[in-house]
C-alpha cells in the first residue's frame, strides 16, 4: 500500500472506528498478530482484540468522546497522528468511578503498516492532564501564586 492509503486507513480508524464505534473496522485493518503499545494499558492482547479492548476502555469511560486529527505525518510504512479528544467522564475508567467532568486531552499514535494492515501501534496520551481534569490528581498552582516565584 502507498503512504496515502495508510493515512486513509488510520483516518478511517479514528473517524469511523472510534468516533462512530465501528469496531468491525478494526478486524479489517489490524493484522492478526498486531502489537499495541500503550503505557496506560500495558497488557493488551495481540491482534484486533487488543485494539478493540483499548477502544472499549475509553468509550465506556467517555461515551461521548470524539477524536480529532490535529496533525498527521506519514513516511514509508509509518503514520504518526497528533490527536485531541473531548468527552465527558460518565463511566468507570479502570477503578476510577465516573466524575461527570468534561475533558480535553491530546495524544500521539504511531501506526506501522505491512501489506496494508496495521502491525504495530504506539499510543501515548497525556494521562497526567486527564487525571487532573477528572480530579484524581490535583491541578498545580500557577507559578505566580507560588511564594518562591512571587515578584520575579
N, C-alpha and C. Protein backbone atom coordinates (compact mmCIF):
# COMPACT_ATOMS: atom_id res chain seq x y z
N UNK A 1 0.84 -1.19 0.00
CA UNK A 1 0.00 0.00 0.00
C UNK A 1 0.88 1.24 0.00
N UNK A 2 0.31 2.32 -0.47
CA UNK A 2 1.04 3.57 -0.51
C UNK A 2 0.89 4.31 0.82
N UNK A 3 1.72 5.31 1.00
CA UNK A 3 1.64 6.15 2.19
C UNK A 3 0.25 6.78 2.31
N UNK A 4 -0.29 7.25 1.19
CA UNK A 4 -1.63 7.86 1.21
C UNK A 4 -2.70 6.85 1.62
N UNK A 5 -2.57 5.61 1.18
CA UNK A 5 -3.54 4.58 1.58
C UNK A 5 -3.42 4.28 3.07
N UNK A 6 -2.20 4.27 3.59
CA UNK A 6 -2.01 4.06 5.03
C UNK A 6 -2.64 5.19 5.83
N UNK A 7 -2.46 6.43 5.36
CA UNK A 7 -3.08 7.58 6.04
C UNK A 7 -4.59 7.45 6.03
N UNK A 8 -5.14 7.05 4.90
CA UNK A 8 -6.59 6.88 4.80
C UNK A 8 -7.08 5.82 5.78
N UNK A 9 -6.33 4.74 5.93
CA UNK A 9 -6.71 3.67 6.86
C UNK A 9 -6.77 4.18 8.29
N UNK A 10 -5.75 4.91 8.75
CA UNK A 10 -5.78 5.38 10.14
C UNK A 10 -6.81 6.48 10.34
N UNK A 11 -7.06 7.27 9.31
CA UNK A 11 -8.14 8.26 9.41
C UNK A 11 -9.48 7.57 9.60
N UNK A 12 -9.70 6.49 8.83
CA UNK A 12 -10.94 5.72 8.98
C UNK A 12 -11.05 5.13 10.39
N UNK A 13 -9.92 4.66 10.93
CA UNK A 13 -9.95 4.11 12.29
C UNK A 13 -10.40 5.16 13.29
N UNK A 14 -9.95 6.41 13.11
CA UNK A 14 -10.35 7.49 14.01
C UNK A 14 -11.82 7.86 13.76
N UNK A 15 -12.14 8.20 12.53
CA UNK A 15 -13.45 8.77 12.21
C UNK A 15 -14.59 7.75 12.25
N UNK A 16 -14.34 6.55 11.76
CA UNK A 16 -15.39 5.52 11.75
C UNK A 16 -15.23 4.54 12.91
N UNK A 17 -14.00 4.11 13.15
CA UNK A 17 -13.76 3.12 14.20
C UNK A 17 -14.07 3.66 15.58
N UNK A 18 -13.40 4.76 15.97
CA UNK A 18 -13.62 5.29 17.31
C UNK A 18 -14.85 6.20 17.36
N UNK A 19 -14.88 7.23 16.53
CA UNK A 19 -15.95 8.22 16.64
C UNK A 19 -17.34 7.65 16.37
N UNK A 20 -17.44 6.65 15.51
CA UNK A 20 -18.74 6.04 15.21
C UNK A 20 -18.87 4.65 15.80
N UNK A 21 -17.86 4.24 16.57
CA UNK A 21 -17.86 2.94 17.26
C UNK A 21 -18.07 1.76 16.31
N UNK A 22 -17.45 1.83 15.15
CA UNK A 22 -17.49 0.72 14.19
C UNK A 22 -16.30 -0.19 14.47
N UNK A 23 -16.45 -1.06 15.46
CA UNK A 23 -15.35 -1.91 15.89
C UNK A 23 -15.02 -2.99 14.86
N UNK A 24 -15.94 -3.29 13.94
CA UNK A 24 -15.65 -4.26 12.88
C UNK A 24 -14.53 -3.77 11.97
N UNK A 25 -14.38 -2.46 11.87
CA UNK A 25 -13.32 -1.89 11.05
C UNK A 25 -11.94 -2.32 11.54
N UNK A 26 -11.82 -2.55 12.83
CA UNK A 26 -10.54 -2.99 13.40
C UNK A 26 -10.14 -4.34 12.81
N UNK A 27 -11.10 -5.25 12.67
CA UNK A 27 -10.80 -6.56 12.08
C UNK A 27 -10.28 -6.44 10.65
N UNK A 28 -10.77 -5.44 9.93
CA UNK A 28 -10.35 -5.24 8.54
C UNK A 28 -8.96 -4.62 8.44
N UNK A 29 -8.56 -3.85 9.44
CA UNK A 29 -7.35 -3.04 9.31
C UNK A 29 -6.16 -3.52 10.14
N UNK A 30 -6.39 -4.33 11.17
CA UNK A 30 -5.30 -4.80 12.03
C UNK A 30 -4.89 -6.22 11.65
N UNK A 31 -3.59 -6.46 11.61
CA UNK A 31 -3.08 -7.82 11.38
C UNK A 31 -3.44 -8.70 12.57
N UNK A 32 -3.56 -9.99 12.34
CA UNK A 32 -3.96 -10.92 13.40
C UNK A 32 -2.99 -10.95 14.57
N UNK A 33 -1.73 -10.60 14.33
CA UNK A 33 -0.73 -10.61 15.41
C UNK A 33 -0.21 -9.21 15.72
N UNK A 34 -1.00 -8.18 15.40
CA UNK A 34 -0.59 -6.79 15.64
C UNK A 34 -0.28 -6.58 17.12
N UNK A 35 0.68 -5.71 17.37
CA UNK A 35 1.08 -5.39 18.74
C UNK A 35 0.67 -3.95 19.03
N UNK A 36 0.00 -3.74 20.16
CA UNK A 36 -0.40 -2.40 20.59
C UNK A 36 0.37 -2.03 21.85
N UNK A 37 1.18 -0.98 21.75
CA UNK A 37 1.94 -0.48 22.90
C UNK A 37 1.21 0.73 23.47
N UNK A 38 0.86 0.67 24.74
CA UNK A 38 0.17 1.78 25.40
C UNK A 38 0.50 1.70 26.88
N UNK A 39 1.28 2.66 27.40
CA UNK A 39 1.66 2.58 28.82
C UNK A 39 0.47 2.62 29.78
N UNK A 40 -0.67 3.16 29.34
CA UNK A 40 -1.83 3.18 30.22
C UNK A 40 -2.60 1.86 30.19
N UNK A 41 -2.28 1.00 29.22
CA UNK A 41 -2.90 -0.32 29.10
C UNK A 41 -1.81 -1.32 28.68
N UNK A 42 -0.92 -1.67 29.59
CA UNK A 42 0.27 -2.45 29.22
C UNK A 42 0.01 -3.91 28.84
N UNK A 43 -1.15 -4.45 29.12
CA UNK A 43 -1.38 -5.88 28.88
C UNK A 43 -2.40 -6.15 27.78
N UNK A 44 -2.44 -5.30 26.77
CA UNK A 44 -3.39 -5.51 25.68
C UNK A 44 -3.06 -6.78 24.90
N UNK A 45 -4.10 -7.47 24.49
CA UNK A 45 -3.92 -8.69 23.67
C UNK A 45 -3.35 -8.31 22.31
N UNK A 46 -2.76 -9.28 21.66
CA UNK A 46 -2.27 -9.06 20.29
C UNK A 46 -3.45 -9.10 19.32
N UNK A 47 -3.23 -8.48 18.17
CA UNK A 47 -4.21 -8.52 17.11
C UNK A 47 -5.36 -7.55 17.30
N UNK A 48 -6.40 -7.71 16.51
CA UNK A 48 -7.55 -6.81 16.58
C UNK A 48 -8.18 -6.74 17.97
N UNK A 49 -8.15 -7.84 18.72
CA UNK A 49 -8.79 -7.84 20.04
C UNK A 49 -8.16 -6.80 20.96
N UNK A 50 -6.85 -6.63 20.92
CA UNK A 50 -6.19 -5.63 21.75
C UNK A 50 -6.64 -4.22 21.40
N UNK A 51 -6.75 -3.94 20.11
CA UNK A 51 -7.21 -2.62 19.67
C UNK A 51 -8.67 -2.39 20.07
N UNK A 52 -9.50 -3.42 19.93
CA UNK A 52 -10.91 -3.30 20.34
C UNK A 52 -11.01 -3.03 21.84
N UNK A 53 -10.23 -3.75 22.63
CA UNK A 53 -10.26 -3.57 24.09
C UNK A 53 -9.85 -2.16 24.46
N UNK A 54 -8.81 -1.65 23.82
CA UNK A 54 -8.37 -0.28 24.10
C UNK A 54 -9.48 0.72 23.81
N UNK A 55 -10.15 0.56 22.67
CA UNK A 55 -11.26 1.46 22.34
C UNK A 55 -12.41 1.31 23.33
N UNK A 56 -12.69 0.07 23.74
CA UNK A 56 -13.79 -0.18 24.69
C UNK A 56 -13.55 0.53 26.02
N UNK A 57 -12.32 0.47 26.51
CA UNK A 57 -11.99 1.10 27.79
C UNK A 57 -12.36 2.58 27.76
N UNK A 58 -11.93 3.27 26.72
CA UNK A 58 -12.17 4.71 26.66
C UNK A 58 -13.60 5.06 26.26
N UNK A 59 -14.21 4.27 25.39
CA UNK A 59 -15.59 4.59 25.02
C UNK A 59 -16.56 4.28 26.15
N UNK A 60 -16.19 3.39 27.07
CA UNK A 60 -17.01 3.14 28.26
C UNK A 60 -16.89 4.31 29.24
N UNK A 61 -15.68 4.79 29.44
CA UNK A 61 -15.45 5.89 30.38
C UNK A 61 -15.93 7.23 29.83
N UNK A 62 -15.81 7.41 28.51
CA UNK A 62 -16.16 8.68 27.86
C UNK A 62 -17.03 8.39 26.64
N UNK A 63 -18.29 7.99 26.85
CA UNK A 63 -19.12 7.56 25.71
C UNK A 63 -19.38 8.65 24.67
N UNK A 64 -19.27 9.91 25.06
CA UNK A 64 -19.49 10.99 24.09
C UNK A 64 -18.19 11.50 23.47
N UNK A 65 -17.07 10.85 23.77
CA UNK A 65 -15.77 11.31 23.28
C UNK A 65 -15.68 11.26 21.76
N UNK A 66 -15.04 12.27 21.22
CA UNK A 66 -14.76 12.32 19.78
C UNK A 66 -13.29 12.67 19.60
N UNK A 67 -12.64 11.91 18.72
CA UNK A 67 -11.25 12.18 18.39
C UNK A 67 -11.19 13.13 17.21
N UNK A 68 -10.21 14.03 17.24
CA UNK A 68 -9.94 14.94 16.14
C UNK A 68 -8.48 14.78 15.75
N UNK A 69 -8.22 14.60 14.48
CA UNK A 69 -6.84 14.53 13.99
C UNK A 69 -6.35 15.97 13.83
N UNK A 70 -5.40 16.35 14.65
CA UNK A 70 -4.85 17.71 14.61
C UNK A 70 -3.70 17.82 13.60
N UNK A 71 -2.85 16.81 13.58
CA UNK A 71 -1.71 16.76 12.67
C UNK A 71 -1.49 15.31 12.25
N UNK A 72 -0.93 15.15 11.06
CA UNK A 72 -0.67 13.80 10.58
C UNK A 72 0.58 13.84 9.69
N UNK A 73 1.49 12.92 9.96
CA UNK A 73 2.72 12.81 9.18
C UNK A 73 2.87 11.35 8.77
N UNK A 74 3.21 11.12 7.52
CA UNK A 74 3.40 9.75 7.06
C UNK A 74 4.71 9.66 6.28
N UNK A 75 5.40 8.56 6.52
CA UNK A 75 6.62 8.29 5.77
C UNK A 75 6.81 6.78 5.71
N UNK A 76 6.98 6.27 4.52
CA UNK A 76 7.17 4.83 4.36
C UNK A 76 6.00 4.06 4.93
N UNK A 77 6.29 3.14 5.83
CA UNK A 77 5.27 2.27 6.44
C UNK A 77 4.67 2.84 7.72
N UNK A 78 5.00 4.09 8.07
CA UNK A 78 4.57 4.67 9.34
C UNK A 78 3.65 5.87 9.12
N UNK A 79 2.63 5.97 9.99
CA UNK A 79 1.78 7.15 10.05
C UNK A 79 1.75 7.61 11.50
N UNK A 80 2.02 8.90 11.70
CA UNK A 80 2.00 9.50 13.04
C UNK A 80 0.84 10.48 13.08
N UNK A 81 -0.01 10.33 14.08
CA UNK A 81 -1.14 11.24 14.26
C UNK A 81 -1.03 11.91 15.62
N UNK A 82 -1.18 13.25 15.61
CA UNK A 82 -1.34 14.01 16.84
C UNK A 82 -2.83 14.27 16.95
N UNK A 83 -3.44 13.80 18.03
CA UNK A 83 -4.89 13.81 18.17
C UNK A 83 -5.33 14.59 19.41
N UNK A 84 -6.55 15.06 19.37
CA UNK A 84 -7.18 15.59 20.58
C UNK A 84 -8.51 14.87 20.74
N UNK A 85 -8.95 14.80 21.97
CA UNK A 85 -10.25 14.19 22.24
C UNK A 85 -10.96 14.97 23.33
N UNK A 86 -12.22 15.21 23.11
CA UNK A 86 -13.07 15.87 24.10
C UNK A 86 -14.17 14.89 24.48
N UNK A 87 -14.47 14.83 25.76
CA UNK A 87 -15.54 13.94 26.20
C UNK A 87 -15.90 14.21 27.64
N UNK A 88 -16.89 13.48 28.12
CA UNK A 88 -17.36 13.61 29.49
C UNK A 88 -17.17 12.28 30.19
N UNK A 89 -16.57 12.32 31.36
CA UNK A 89 -16.25 11.11 32.13
C UNK A 89 -17.51 10.61 32.85
N UNK A 90 -18.32 9.83 32.14
CA UNK A 90 -19.59 9.35 32.70
C UNK A 90 -19.60 7.85 32.98
N UNK A 91 -18.48 7.18 32.74
CA UNK A 91 -18.38 5.75 33.03
C UNK A 91 -17.07 5.47 33.74
N UNK A 92 -16.91 4.27 34.30
CA UNK A 92 -15.68 3.95 35.02
C UNK A 92 -14.47 3.91 34.07
N UNK A 93 -13.35 4.39 34.58
CA UNK A 93 -12.07 4.30 33.87
C UNK A 93 -11.16 3.46 34.75
N UNK A 94 -11.12 2.16 34.46
CA UNK A 94 -10.42 1.24 35.36
C UNK A 94 -11.16 1.24 36.69
N UNK A 95 -10.42 1.56 37.77
CA UNK A 95 -11.06 1.60 39.09
C UNK A 95 -11.47 3.02 39.49
N UNK A 96 -11.45 3.95 38.56
CA UNK A 96 -11.86 5.33 38.83
C UNK A 96 -13.32 5.48 38.44
N UNK A 97 -14.19 5.77 39.42
CA UNK A 97 -15.61 5.92 39.09
C UNK A 97 -15.86 7.19 38.27
N UNK A 98 -16.98 7.20 37.58
CA UNK A 98 -17.37 8.36 36.77
C UNK A 98 -17.42 9.62 37.63
N UNK A 99 -16.98 10.73 37.04
CA UNK A 99 -16.97 12.01 37.76
C UNK A 99 -17.92 13.03 37.13
N UNK A 100 -18.34 12.77 35.89
CA UNK A 100 -19.18 13.73 35.19
C UNK A 100 -18.42 14.93 34.65
N UNK A 101 -17.10 14.92 34.79
CA UNK A 101 -16.29 16.07 34.35
C UNK A 101 -15.97 15.99 32.86
N UNK A 102 -15.94 17.16 32.24
CA UNK A 102 -15.57 17.26 30.83
C UNK A 102 -14.06 17.26 30.71
N UNK A 103 -13.56 16.61 29.65
CA UNK A 103 -12.12 16.51 29.45
C UNK A 103 -11.74 16.93 28.03
N UNK A 104 -10.50 17.36 27.91
CA UNK A 104 -9.91 17.71 26.62
C UNK A 104 -8.45 17.27 26.70
N UNK A 105 -8.09 16.20 26.01
CA UNK A 105 -6.78 15.58 26.15
C UNK A 105 -6.16 15.40 24.78
N UNK A 106 -4.83 15.49 24.73
CA UNK A 106 -4.11 15.26 23.48
C UNK A 106 -3.23 14.02 23.58
N UNK A 107 -2.91 13.47 22.42
CA UNK A 107 -2.05 12.29 22.40
C UNK A 107 -1.48 12.05 21.01
N UNK A 108 -0.59 11.07 20.95
CA UNK A 108 0.06 10.70 19.69
C UNK A 108 -0.11 9.20 19.49
N UNK A 109 -0.45 8.81 18.27
CA UNK A 109 -0.49 7.40 17.90
C UNK A 109 0.39 7.21 16.67
N UNK A 110 1.31 6.28 16.76
CA UNK A 110 2.16 5.90 15.64
C UNK A 110 1.69 4.53 15.18
N UNK A 111 1.41 4.41 13.90
CA UNK A 111 0.96 3.13 13.33
C UNK A 111 1.95 2.66 12.28
N UNK A 112 2.33 1.39 12.39
CA UNK A 112 3.22 0.78 11.40
C UNK A 112 2.41 -0.19 10.54
N UNK A 113 2.63 -0.16 9.24
CA UNK A 113 1.90 -0.98 8.29
C UNK A 113 2.80 -2.00 7.61
N UNK A 114 2.23 -3.16 7.34
CA UNK A 114 2.83 -4.17 6.46
C UNK A 114 1.71 -4.80 5.66
N UNK A 115 1.88 -4.85 4.36
CA UNK A 115 0.89 -5.46 3.47
C UNK A 115 -0.52 -4.91 3.68
N UNK A 116 -0.60 -3.59 3.90
CA UNK A 116 -1.89 -2.94 4.02
C UNK A 116 -2.59 -3.08 5.36
N UNK A 117 -1.93 -3.71 6.33
CA UNK A 117 -2.54 -3.90 7.66
C UNK A 117 -1.67 -3.22 8.73
N UNK A 118 -2.33 -2.76 9.78
CA UNK A 118 -1.61 -2.22 10.93
C UNK A 118 -0.98 -3.41 11.66
N UNK A 119 0.35 -3.38 11.83
CA UNK A 119 1.04 -4.47 12.51
C UNK A 119 1.56 -4.07 13.88
N UNK A 120 1.63 -2.75 14.13
CA UNK A 120 2.10 -2.29 15.44
C UNK A 120 1.66 -0.85 15.64
N UNK A 121 1.26 -0.54 16.87
CA UNK A 121 0.92 0.84 17.23
C UNK A 121 1.59 1.21 18.53
N UNK A 122 1.90 2.50 18.64
CA UNK A 122 2.41 3.08 19.88
C UNK A 122 1.49 4.25 20.20
N UNK A 123 0.83 4.19 21.35
CA UNK A 123 -0.10 5.25 21.77
C UNK A 123 0.43 5.90 23.03
N UNK A 124 0.44 7.21 23.02
CA UNK A 124 0.88 7.95 24.20
C UNK A 124 -0.02 9.16 24.37
N UNK A 125 -0.84 9.12 25.42
CA UNK A 125 -1.79 10.19 25.71
C UNK A 125 -1.34 10.93 26.96
N UNK A 126 -1.76 12.17 27.09
CA UNK A 126 -1.42 13.00 28.25
C UNK A 126 -2.26 12.55 29.45
N UNK A 127 -1.82 11.45 30.05
CA UNK A 127 -2.56 10.87 31.18
C UNK A 127 -2.56 11.78 32.40
N UNK A 128 -1.48 12.53 32.63
CA UNK A 128 -1.45 13.44 33.78
C UNK A 128 -2.55 14.48 33.64
N UNK A 129 -2.65 15.08 32.47
CA UNK A 129 -3.69 16.07 32.25
C UNK A 129 -5.08 15.46 32.42
N UNK A 130 -5.27 14.25 31.91
CA UNK A 130 -6.56 13.57 32.06
C UNK A 130 -6.89 13.37 33.54
N UNK A 131 -5.93 12.86 34.30
CA UNK A 131 -6.17 12.61 35.73
C UNK A 131 -6.43 13.92 36.48
N UNK A 132 -5.78 15.01 36.07
CA UNK A 132 -6.05 16.31 36.68
C UNK A 132 -7.46 16.78 36.34
N UNK A 133 -7.86 16.61 35.10
CA UNK A 133 -9.17 17.09 34.66
C UNK A 133 -10.32 16.33 35.32
N UNK A 134 -10.12 15.06 35.64
CA UNK A 134 -11.21 14.31 36.29
C UNK A 134 -11.07 14.34 37.82
N UNK A 135 -10.08 15.08 38.31
CA UNK A 135 -9.96 15.31 39.75
C UNK A 135 -9.21 14.25 40.53
N UNK A 136 -8.53 13.32 39.86
CA UNK A 136 -7.78 12.28 40.55
C UNK A 136 -6.44 12.82 41.05
N UNK A 137 -5.84 13.73 40.28
CA UNK A 137 -4.58 14.37 40.63
C UNK A 137 -4.86 15.87 40.71
N UNK A 138 -4.41 16.53 41.79
CA UNK A 138 -4.69 17.96 41.89
C UNK A 138 -3.97 18.76 40.81
N UNK A 139 -4.62 19.83 40.38
CA UNK A 139 -4.00 20.74 39.41
C UNK A 139 -2.92 21.54 40.13
N UNK A 140 -1.80 21.80 39.48
CA UNK A 140 -0.76 22.60 40.13
C UNK A 140 -1.18 24.06 40.21
N UNK A 141 -0.65 24.73 41.22
CA UNK A 141 -0.89 26.17 41.31
C UNK A 141 -0.07 26.85 40.22
N UNK A 142 -0.52 28.01 39.80
CA UNK A 142 0.27 28.73 38.80
C UNK A 142 1.53 29.27 39.45
N UNK A 143 2.55 29.49 38.67
CA UNK A 143 3.84 29.97 39.19
C UNK A 143 3.67 31.31 39.91
N UNK A 144 2.77 32.16 39.44
CA UNK A 144 2.57 33.47 40.07
C UNK A 144 2.03 33.36 41.48
N UNK A 145 1.31 32.30 41.80
CA UNK A 145 0.73 32.13 43.13
C UNK A 145 1.69 31.48 44.11
N UNK A 146 2.75 30.89 43.62
CA UNK A 146 3.69 30.20 44.49
C UNK A 146 4.67 31.20 45.08
N UNK A 147 4.84 31.22 46.42
CA UNK A 147 5.70 32.21 47.07
C UNK A 147 7.12 32.27 46.51
N UNK A 148 7.69 31.16 46.13
CA UNK A 148 9.07 31.16 45.64
C UNK A 148 9.22 31.96 44.34
N UNK A 149 8.13 32.16 43.62
CA UNK A 149 8.21 32.86 42.35
C UNK A 149 7.60 34.26 42.41
N UNK A 150 7.03 34.63 43.53
CA UNK A 150 6.35 35.91 43.64
C UNK A 150 7.33 37.06 43.39
N UNK A 151 6.93 37.99 42.55
CA UNK A 151 7.73 39.18 42.30
C UNK A 151 8.92 38.99 41.37
N UNK A 152 9.08 37.85 40.80
CA UNK A 152 10.23 37.64 39.90
C UNK A 152 9.82 37.79 38.47
